[in-house]
Amino acid sequence: MDNQVSIEVFGTRDLAGCYSGGWGPARSQEETTWEVAEILSAMYGNLVKTSFRDIKETTDTVVKELIEKEGAPLPIIKMNGRVRVTGHLFVPILVSEIDSILAADNETTS
């Protein structure tokens, strides 16, 4: 691994209800994704790359199955190709996951 974490956020562009900072106006999952991406970029620089995928357009079979068969809550977040979080776009949870991935990468390259 090249010590980079690829984050794919699967959600909907038209679903409001994500709140930044706990209080404030509702934002779409896409808008919230880009706000979180800015925070993570400030923290990790180019070690983290974030993208948003609308579930209405995705061809990701793992994500489709999670939604259709298991009713997984949105957003669904994949990190380096693996589902790590569902139902939350919460910076402290993402930071914990990113740190775990980077630490594991450092162990395998040491």
Protein backbone atom coordinates (compact mmCIF):
# COMPACT_ATOMS: atom_id res chain seq x y z
CA MET A 1 0.00 0.00 0.00
CA ASP A 2 1.24 3.50 -0.70
CA ASN A 3 0.03 4.97 2.61
CA GLN A 4 -3.00 6.64 1.05
CA VAL A 5 -6.58 6.11 2.15
CA SER A 6 -9.26 6.22 -0.51
CA ILE A 7 -12.66 7.06 0.98
CA GLU A 8 -15.80 6.48 -1.05
CA VAL A 9 -19.02 7.80 0.45
CA PHE A 10 -22.15 6.20 -0.98
CA GLY A 11 -25.31 8.19 -0.36
CA THR A 12 -27.88 10.30 -2.16
CA ARG A 13 -27.63 13.81 -3.51
CA ASP A 14 -31.21 14.62 -2.62
CA LEU A 15 -31.42 13.24 0.92
CA ALA A 16 -31.29 15.98 3.51
CA GLY A 17 -30.81 15.29 7.15
CA CYS A 18 -27.05 15.36 7.57
CA TYR A 19 -26.02 17.97 10.08
CA SER A 20 -22.61 19.54 10.38
CA GLY A 21 -21.59 20.22 13.93
CA GLY A 22 -24.78 18.79 15.39
CA TRP A 23 -26.92 21.88 14.93
CA GLY A 24 -27.64 23.94 11.89
CA PRO A 25 -29.28 23.61 8.53
CA ALA A 26 -29.78 20.17 7.03
CA ARG A 27 -27.40 19.36 4.22
CA SER A 28 -27.44 16.64 1.62
CA GLN A 29 -25.15 13.68 2.08
CA GLU A 30 -23.11 14.95 -0.86
CA GLU A 31 -22.67 18.43 0.67
CA THR A 32 -21.70 16.91 3.99
CA THR A 33 -19.21 14.62 2.25
CA TRP A 34 -17.37 17.60 0.75
CA GLU A 35 -17.33 19.40 4.12
CA VAL A 36 -15.85 16.32 5.77
CA ALA A 37 -13.38 15.93 2.88
CA GLU A 38 -12.06 19.45 3.58
CA ILE A 39 -11.56 18.63 7.26
CA LEU A 40 -9.79 15.35 6.48
CA SER A 41 -7.63 17.04 3.85
CA ALA A 42 -6.57 19.65 6.41
CA MET A 43 -5.68 16.87 8.84
CA TYR A 44 -4.01 14.36 6.51
CA GLY A 45 -3.08 16.29 3.37
CA ASN A 46 -2.71 14.06 0.34
CA LEU A 47 -2.87 10.87 2.41
CA VAL A 48 -6.67 10.89 2.13
CA LYS A 49 -8.70 11.07 -1.07
CA THR A 50 -12.48 11.39 -0.69
CA SER A 51 -15.15 10.83 -3.33
CA PHE A 52 -18.95 10.78 -3.34
CA ARG A 53 -21.02 8.15 -5.16
CA ASP A 54 -24.78 8.46 -5.57
CA ILE A 55 -26.40 5.12 -4.83
CA LYS A 56 -28.84 5.69 -7.69
CA GLU A 57 -25.89 5.60 -10.11
CA THR A 58 -23.51 3.14 -8.49
CA THR A 59 -22.56 -0.21 -9.96
CA ASP A 60 -20.79 -1.30 -6.76
CA THR A 61 -22.29 -4.72 -6.06
CA VAL A 62 -21.24 -4.80 -2.41
CA VAL A 63 -22.97 -1.51 -1.68
CA LYS A 64 -26.08 -2.48 -3.65
CA GLU A 65 -26.34 -5.74 -1.73
CA LEU A 66 -25.92 -4.00 1.63
CA ILE A 67 -28.79 -1.67 0.78
CA GLU A 68 -31.14 -4.15 -0.89
CA LYS A 69 -30.62 -7.26 1.25
CA GLU A 70 -29.53 -5.89 4.60
CA GLY A 71 -31.14 -2.44 4.64
CA ALA A 72 -27.87 -0.78 5.62
CA PRO A 73 -28.30 2.86 6.63
CA LEU A 74 -26.81 5.58 4.49
CA PRO A 75 -24.22 6.76 4.00
CA ILE A 76 -22.10 3.68 3.40
CA ILE A 77 -18.40 4.41 3.59
CA LYS A 78 -15.72 2.31 1.95
CA MET A 79 -12.09 2.88 2.77
CA ASN A 80 -9.52 1.36 0.44
CA GLY A 81 -12.28 -0.77 -1.08
CA ARG A 82 -13.65 -2.18 2.18
CA VAL A 83 -16.87 -1.13 3.93
CA ARG A 84 -15.81 0.40 7.24
CA VAL A 85 -18.76 2.53 8.39
CA THR A 86 -22.49 2.67 7.69
CA GLY A 87 -25.02 5.26 8.78
CA HIS A 88 -22.59 7.94 9.92
CA LEU A 89 -20.40 10.58 8.35
CA PHE A 90 -18.82 11.56 11.64
CA VAL A 91 -15.27 12.89 11.62
CA PRO A 92 -14.03 11.21 14.85
CA ILE A 93 -15.14 7.78 13.58
CA LEU A 94 -13.51 8.39 10.20
CA VAL A 95 -10.28 9.61 11.84
CA SER A 96 -10.13 6.45 13.94
CA GLU A 97 -10.58 4.27 10.85
CA ILE A 98 -8.03 6.27 8.82
CA ASP A 99 -5.48 6.06 11.63
CA SER A 100 -5.99 2.28 11.84
CA ILE A 101 -5.46 1.88 8.09
CA LEU A 102 -2.36 4.06 8.07
CA ALA A 103 -0.91 2.27 11.11
CA ALA A 104 -1.48 -1.12 9.46
CA ASP A 105 0.16 0.15 6.27
CA ASN A 106 3.16 1.37 8.26
CA GLU A 107 3.50 -2.03 9.97
CA THR A 108 3.53 -3.87 6.65
CA THR A 109 6.11 -1.51 5.14
CA SER A 110 8.43 -1.53 8.17
